[in-house]
């Protein structure tokens, strides 16, 4: 299942220098001590939580980490073990942790997980209830305690066939009901090779943000002619504090290929610039943009050094290993 962690401290915060390169959500300055033994999820989180650091100068941003397997993964026993380990973990007061299990295990997780940790769903429907067999409504998710939902994941786009407009409507409805979203975007390999990465990502961002229109407005001085200005319709994001953007180049998901730190940073910086130009500079500064695509404990440290990478959306690597403890051990840098 998924784990999302957020920190409310500014990225400029600096503390002791005796810590891992990227532990938990935040970046630090020294190398990871390979002599440390992290044999359990409990010790994993205690280790992470005791070494949270920041190195970026950008203000007001919250670091984020997501560890997520695909919806078909997990059993009652394996999830019970993960929940037990999470409940035993010591977490700092300024760190939010969110888990995202498959639908059929959400109630199990909610009933046994500490209230200190929030829950996300892996999908939701476009509106309120109705005869849509097999779908999950936002109201149902909130009723069982979900605070977040993952929308626009590449598998939903390219396997299930959800398009930008459909995903945008899902996001608008979820946000209108005060359910936070993890908004996934990303290009196919052919689109990257054709130089269309920014075009694709910006189009997907626009769908999450809402449609733009131009309408006339009368200046307060009658001598000034009618002017026009862009605005977002009522389905626009009510608060970007409730949105985490996840950039996932589709060609890197589950393939073993990963974008270089420079490639990922280039897109993240472009997304932040898009937010600045189309929403506001304040939203651009505060919105958390995370990276996903074959992320694991071996490559996340270098990615995390980049200024605009606020965390990770981790897939299969969060579930690999003989048991959940091994999976989280592999993710010790994150």
Protein backbone atom coordinates (compact mmCIF):
# COMPACT_ATOMS: atom_id res chain seq x y z
CA UNK A 1 0.00 0.00 0.00
CA UNK A 2 0.99 3.61 -0.31
CA UNK A 3 2.60 5.86 2.24
CA UNK A 4 2.48 9.63 1.77
CA UNK A 5 4.41 11.83 4.17
CA UNK A 6 4.38 15.61 4.32
CA UNK A 7 6.33 18.06 6.40
CA UNK A 8 5.19 21.55 7.23
CA UNK A 9 8.64 22.96 7.97
CA UNK A 10 10.19 25.36 5.42
CA UNK A 11 12.90 23.86 3.22
CA UNK A 12 15.48 26.26 4.54
CA UNK A 13 15.42 24.68 7.99
CA UNK A 14 18.80 23.27 8.96
CA UNK A 15 19.77 21.19 11.95
CA UNK A 16 22.53 18.68 12.71
CA UNK A 17 24.71 17.50 9.83
CA UNK A 18 25.05 13.94 11.11
CA UNK A 19 22.24 12.34 9.09
CA UNK A 20 21.43 10.43 5.86
CA UNK A 21 21.50 12.11 2.46
CA UNK A 22 17.71 11.84 2.17
CA UNK A 23 15.89 10.45 5.14
CA UNK A 24 12.12 10.42 5.41
CA UNK A 25 10.97 13.49 3.54
CA UNK A 26 13.82 15.86 3.83
CA UNK A 27 17.27 16.26 2.45
CA UNK A 28 20.48 16.59 4.40
CA UNK A 29 24.16 16.90 3.82
CA UNK A 30 26.05 13.77 4.77
CA UNK A 31 26.19 10.20 3.48
CA UNK A 32 24.04 7.37 4.75
CA UNK A 33 25.76 5.28 7.40
CA UNK A 34 25.72 1.77 5.93
CA UNK A 35 26.47 0.27 9.34
CA UNK A 36 22.95 1.13 10.54
CA UNK A 37 20.67 -1.87 10.80
CA UNK A 38 17.01 -1.33 9.85
CA UNK A 39 15.51 -4.77 10.22
CA UNK A 40 11.95 -3.70 10.97
CA UNK A 41 9.43 -1.15 9.81
CA UNK A 42 9.40 0.21 13.36
CA UNK A 43 13.11 0.98 13.34
CA UNK A 44 12.80 2.27 9.78
CA UNK A 45 10.35 4.96 10.76
CA UNK A 46 12.16 5.80 13.99
CA UNK A 47 15.36 6.24 12.02
CA UNK A 48 13.64 8.33 9.37
CA UNK A 49 11.79 10.46 11.88
CA UNK A 50 14.89 11.27 13.92
CA UNK A 51 16.82 12.57 10.89
CA UNK A 52 14.34 14.79 9.03
CA UNK A 53 16.25 17.62 7.38
CA UNK A 54 15.76 20.30 4.73
CA UNK A 55 18.25 21.84 2.32
CA UNK A 56 16.24 23.80 -0.26
CA UNK A 57 15.92 27.57 -0.03
CA UNK A 58 12.38 27.66 -1.46
CA UNK A 59 9.91 28.80 1.19
CA UNK A 60 6.55 27.43 2.20
CA UNK A 61 6.84 24.05 0.47
CA UNK A 62 6.14 20.71 2.11
CA UNK A 63 8.21 17.66 1.28
CA UNK A 64 6.22 14.58 0.26
CA UNK A 65 6.95 10.87 -0.04
CA UNK A 66 4.55 8.33 -1.50
CA UNK A 67 5.15 4.58 -1.49
CA UNK A 68 2.52 2.81 -3.58
CA UNK A 69 2.05 -0.67 -5.03
CA UNK A 70 -0.58 -1.39 -7.69
CA UNK A 71 -4.19 -1.92 -6.64
CA UNK A 72 -4.05 -5.71 -6.92
CA UNK A 73 -1.25 -6.10 -4.38
CA UNK A 74 -1.49 -6.98 -0.70
CA UNK A 75 -3.25 -9.52 1.50
CA UNK A 76 -5.03 -9.18 4.84
CA UNK A 77 -2.01 -10.66 6.60
CA UNK A 78 0.63 -8.54 4.86
CA UNK A 79 -1.37 -5.36 5.37
CA UNK A 80 -1.95 -6.21 9.04
CA UNK A 81 1.82 -6.49 9.43
CA UNK A 82 2.40 -3.13 7.74
CA UNK A 83 -0.24 -1.47 9.89
CA UNK A 84 1.26 -2.96 13.04
CA UNK A 85 4.69 -1.62 12.13
CA UNK A 86 3.28 1.81 11.27
CA UNK A 87 1.46 1.95 14.58
CA UNK A 88 4.75 1.24 16.38
CA UNK A 89 6.68 3.91 14.52
CA UNK A 90 7.57 7.14 16.29
CA UNK A 91 6.69 10.12 14.08
CA UNK A 92 7.48 13.77 14.66
CA UNK A 93 4.57 16.10 15.29
CA UNK A 94 5.16 18.13 12.10
CA UNK A 95 5.08 15.14 9.75
CA UNK A 96 1.85 13.92 8.13
CA UNK A 97 1.73 10.27 7.03
CA UNK A 98 -0.92 8.89 4.66
CA UNK A 99 -1.38 5.27 3.59
CA UNK A 100 -3.21 4.22 0.41
CA UNK A 101 -4.27 0.57 0.43
CA UNK A 102 -6.45 -1.12 -2.22
CA UNK A 103 -10.17 -0.41 -1.81
CA UNK A 104 -11.03 -3.80 -0.29
CA UNK A 105 -8.57 -3.22 2.57
CA UNK A 106 -9.35 0.41 3.39
CA UNK A 107 -11.80 -0.44 6.16
CA UNK A 108 -9.37 -2.97 7.64
CA UNK A 109 -6.60 -0.38 7.65
CA UNK A 110 -8.83 2.38 9.02
CA UNK A 111 -10.08 0.23 11.88
CA UNK A 112 -6.60 -0.78 13.00
CA UNK A 113 -4.37 2.16 12.06
CA UNK A 114 -3.49 4.93 14.48
CA UNK A 115 -5.42 8.18 13.98
CA UNK A 116 -2.03 9.85 13.61
CA UNK A 117 -1.84 8.47 10.04
CA UNK A 118 -4.30 9.42 7.28
CA UNK A 119 -5.70 7.26 4.46
CA UNK A 120 -5.88 7.81 0.68
CA UNK A 121 -7.88 5.92 -1.93
CA UNK A 122 -6.45 4.89 -5.29
CA UNK A 123 -9.38 6.20 -7.36
CA UNK A 124 -12.82 7.83 -7.10
CA UNK A 125 -15.90 8.49 -9.23
CA UNK A 126 -16.76 11.63 -11.15
CA UNK A 127 -19.76 12.74 -9.09
CA UNK A 128 -22.20 11.93 -6.32
CA UNK A 129 -23.44 8.33 -6.21
CA UNK A 130 -25.70 6.87 -8.87
CA UNK A 131 -25.97 3.60 -10.78
CA UNK A 132 -22.29 3.12 -11.66
CA UNK A 133 -21.56 -0.48 -10.82
CA UNK A 134 -18.05 -1.09 -9.59
CA UNK A 135 -17.19 2.57 -8.96
CA UNK A 136 -16.39 4.22 -5.63
CA UNK A 137 -17.88 7.60 -4.75
CA UNK A 138 -16.12 10.40 -2.93
CA UNK A 139 -18.87 10.29 -0.31
CA UNK A 140 -18.16 6.62 0.36
CA UNK A 141 -14.44 7.29 0.65
CA UNK A 142 -15.01 10.09 3.14
CA UNK A 143 -17.49 7.95 5.04
CA UNK A 144 -14.81 5.32 5.70
CA UNK A 145 -12.22 7.91 6.64
CA UNK A 146 -10.21 8.73 3.50
CA UNK A 147 -8.57 12.17 3.36
CA UNK A 148 -6.88 11.86 -0.07
CA UNK A 149 -7.36 10.15 -3.43
CA UNK A 150 -4.87 9.36 -6.22
CA UNK A 151 -6.22 10.52 -9.61
CA UNK A 152 -4.85 10.44 -13.17
CA UNK A 153 -2.39 7.61 -12.64
CA UNK A 154 -0.92 6.40 -15.94
CA UNK A 155 -2.58 3.01 -15.59
CA UNK A 156 -5.96 4.71 -15.30
CA UNK A 157 -5.14 6.83 -18.34
CA UNK A 158 -3.54 4.31 -20.68
CA UNK A 159 -5.06 0.98 -19.62
CA UNK A 160 -8.52 1.95 -18.36
CA UNK A 161 -8.79 4.76 -20.94
CA UNK A 162 -9.55 7.79 -18.77
CA UNK A 163 -8.89 11.06 -20.63
CA UNK A 164 -7.88 14.48 -19.31
CA UNK A 165 -11.43 15.82 -19.23
CA UNK A 166 -12.75 12.84 -17.28
CA UNK A 167 -9.88 12.98 -14.78
CA UNK A 168 -10.32 16.72 -14.40
CA UNK A 169 -13.99 16.24 -13.51
CA UNK A 170 -13.04 13.59 -10.95
CA UNK A 171 -10.54 15.98 -9.38
CA UNK A 172 -12.97 18.89 -9.35
CA UNK A 173 -15.63 16.85 -7.61
CA UNK A 174 -13.24 15.36 -5.05
CA UNK A 175 -11.89 18.80 -4.19
CA UNK A 176 -15.39 20.27 -4.00
CA UNK A 177 -16.10 17.69 -1.30
CA UNK A 178 -12.89 18.52 0.59
CA UNK A 179 -11.05 15.36 -0.41
CA UNK A 180 -7.41 16.08 -1.22
CA UNK A 181 -5.96 14.78 -4.49
CA UNK A 182 -2.62 13.41 -5.64
CA UNK A 183 -2.74 14.57 -9.28
CA UNK A 184 -0.69 12.29 -11.54
CA UNK A 185 0.67 13.50 -14.87
CA UNK A 186 3.33 12.33 -17.32
CA UNK A 187 4.28 11.62 -20.92
CA UNK A 188 4.68 8.44 -22.98
CA UNK A 189 8.08 7.53 -24.40
CA UNK A 190 7.08 8.54 -27.93
CA UNK A 191 5.85 11.89 -26.67
CA UNK A 192 9.18 12.53 -24.95
CA UNK A 193 11.12 11.53 -28.07
CA UNK A 194 8.93 13.87 -30.13
CA UNK A 195 9.72 16.76 -27.80
CA UNK A 196 6.15 16.97 -26.48
CA UNK A 197 6.81 16.39 -22.77
CA UNK A 198 5.87 19.91 -21.69
CA UNK A 199 2.86 20.06 -24.01
CA UNK A 200 1.47 16.82 -22.59
CA UNK A 201 2.13 17.71 -18.95
CA UNK A 202 0.73 21.22 -19.27
CA UNK A 203 -2.42 19.88 -20.94
CA UNK A 204 -2.91 17.42 -18.08
CA UNK A 205 -2.27 20.17 -15.53
CA UNK A 206 -4.86 22.38 -17.21
CA UNK A 207 -7.45 19.61 -16.84
CA UNK A 208 -6.77 19.42 -13.11
CA UNK A 209 -6.80 23.21 -12.72
CA UNK A 210 -10.07 23.74 -14.60
CA UNK A 211 -11.05 25.23 -17.96
CA UNK A 212 -10.10 28.79 -18.82
CA UNK A 213 -12.53 31.30 -20.28
CA UNK A 214 -12.30 34.95 -21.23
CA UNK A 215 -15.14 37.17 -20.04
CA UNK A 216 -15.64 40.92 -20.22
CA UNK A 217 -15.51 43.04 -17.12
CA UNK A 218 -16.21 46.74 -16.73
CA UNK A 219 -13.42 48.85 -15.38
CA UNK A 220 -14.40 51.06 -12.47
CA UNK A 221 -13.86 54.12 -14.65
CA UNK A 222 -16.61 54.43 -17.24
CA UNK A 223 -14.16 56.02 -19.65
CA UNK A 224 -12.17 52.76 -19.84
CA UNK A 225 -13.48 50.36 -22.49
CA UNK A 226 -14.51 46.75 -21.81
CA UNK A 227 -11.57 44.48 -21.18
CA UNK A 228 -11.21 40.75 -20.93
CA UNK A 229 -9.37 38.63 -18.43
CA UNK A 230 -8.87 34.87 -18.03
CA UNK A 231 -10.43 33.06 -15.11
CA UNK A 232 -11.09 29.50 -13.97
CA UNK A 233 -14.67 28.26 -13.87
CA UNK A 234 -16.42 26.89 -10.78
CA UNK A 235 -14.74 23.50 -11.19
CA UNK A 236 -11.32 25.06 -10.68
CA UNK A 237 -9.21 24.00 -7.70
CA UNK A 238 -10.69 25.68 -4.60
CA UNK A 239 -7.42 25.34 -2.69
CA UNK A 240 -4.08 24.14 -4.00
CA UNK A 241 -3.16 23.23 -0.43
CA UNK A 242 -5.28 20.12 -1.11
CA UNK A 243 -3.31 19.14 -4.23
CA UNK A 244 -0.05 17.22 -4.58
CA UNK A 245 1.22 17.00 -8.18
CA UNK A 246 2.94 13.73 -9.10
CA UNK A 247 5.06 13.75 -12.25
CA UNK A 248 5.33 10.19 -13.59
CA UNK A 249 6.98 9.74 -16.99
CA UNK A 250 5.08 6.71 -18.26
CA UNK A 251 8.19 5.25 -19.89
CA UNK A 252 9.80 4.96 -16.44
CA UNK A 253 6.95 3.28 -14.55
CA UNK A 254 7.76 -0.32 -13.72
CA UNK A 255 10.38 -0.52 -16.46
CA UNK A 256 13.50 -0.18 -14.36
CA UNK A 257 14.27 3.02 -16.27
CA UNK A 258 14.29 6.22 -14.29
CA UNK A 259 14.54 9.82 -15.41
CA UNK A 260 17.90 11.37 -14.61
CA UNK A 261 17.83 13.96 -11.83
CA UNK A 262 18.32 16.61 -14.51
CA UNK A 263 15.42 15.33 -16.64
CA UNK A 264 13.09 15.19 -13.66
CA UNK A 265 14.14 18.60 -12.36
CA UNK A 266 13.61 20.15 -15.79
CA UNK A 267 9.98 18.99 -15.85
CA UNK A 268 9.33 19.85 -12.20
CA UNK A 269 10.70 23.37 -12.72
CA UNK A 270 8.54 23.76 -15.83
CA UNK A 271 5.46 22.64 -13.90
CA UNK A 272 6.18 25.15 -11.15
CA UNK A 273 6.58 27.86 -13.79
CA UNK A 274 3.23 26.81 -15.32
CA UNK A 275 1.59 27.17 -11.92
CA UNK A 276 3.15 30.60 -11.46
CA UNK A 277 1.92 31.85 -14.85
CA UNK A 278 -1.53 30.23 -14.78
CA UNK A 279 -2.46 30.21 -11.09
CA UNK A 280 -0.20 32.37 -8.92
CA UNK A 281 3.38 32.69 -7.73
CA UNK A 282 2.26 31.78 -4.22
CA UNK A 283 0.64 28.54 -5.39
CA UNK A 284 3.72 27.73 -7.47
CA UNK A 285 5.94 28.12 -4.43
CA UNK A 286 3.77 26.08 -2.07
CA UNK A 287 2.48 23.26 -4.28
CA UNK A 288 4.24 19.97 -3.68
CA UNK A 289 5.51 18.28 -6.86
CA UNK A 290 6.74 14.72 -6.43
CA UNK A 291 8.44 12.31 -8.85
CA UNK A 292 7.41 8.75 -9.72
CA UNK A 293 8.87 6.16 -12.10
CA UNK A 294 10.96 3.17 -10.92
CA UNK A 295 11.95 5.06 -7.78
CA UNK A 296 13.76 2.98 -5.15
CA UNK A 297 16.22 3.31 -2.31
CA UNK A 298 19.11 3.26 -4.74
CA UNK A 299 18.18 6.23 -6.92
CA UNK A 300 16.03 8.53 -4.78
CA UNK A 301 18.93 10.21 -2.96
CA UNK A 302 20.26 11.85 -6.13
CA UNK A 303 16.79 12.80 -7.31
CA UNK A 304 16.03 14.35 -3.94
CA UNK A 305 18.88 16.81 -4.28
CA UNK A 306 17.04 18.68 -7.02
CA UNK A 307 15.40 21.95 -5.99
CA UNK A 308 11.91 21.25 -7.32
CA UNK A 309 11.55 17.56 -6.42
CA UNK A 310 9.58 17.48 -3.19
CA UNK A 311 9.30 13.70 -2.83
CA UNK A 312 8.39 10.48 -4.61
CA UNK A 313 5.53 8.35 -5.86
CA UNK A 314 6.91 4.84 -5.39
CA UNK A 315 5.31 1.78 -6.99
CA UNK A 316 6.58 -1.77 -6.98
CA UNK A 317 9.63 -1.00 -4.87
CA UNK A 318 7.37 -0.40 -1.88
CA UNK A 319 6.16 -4.01 -2.03
CA UNK A 320 9.25 -5.95 -3.04
CA UNK A 321 10.95 -8.21 -0.61
CA UNK A 322 10.14 -11.27 1.47
CA UNK A 323 7.82 -9.27 3.71
CA UNK A 324 6.78 -5.65 4.36
CA UNK A 325 9.76 -5.07 6.63
CA UNK A 326 12.12 -5.85 3.75
CA UNK A 327 10.15 -3.56 1.45
CA UNK A 328 10.45 -0.64 3.84
CA UNK A 329 14.10 -1.43 4.47
CA UNK A 330 14.69 -0.95 0.75
CA UNK A 331 13.04 2.47 1.02
CA UNK A 332 15.14 3.66 3.97
CA UNK A 333 16.47 6.73 2.13
CA UNK A 334 12.98 8.01 1.38
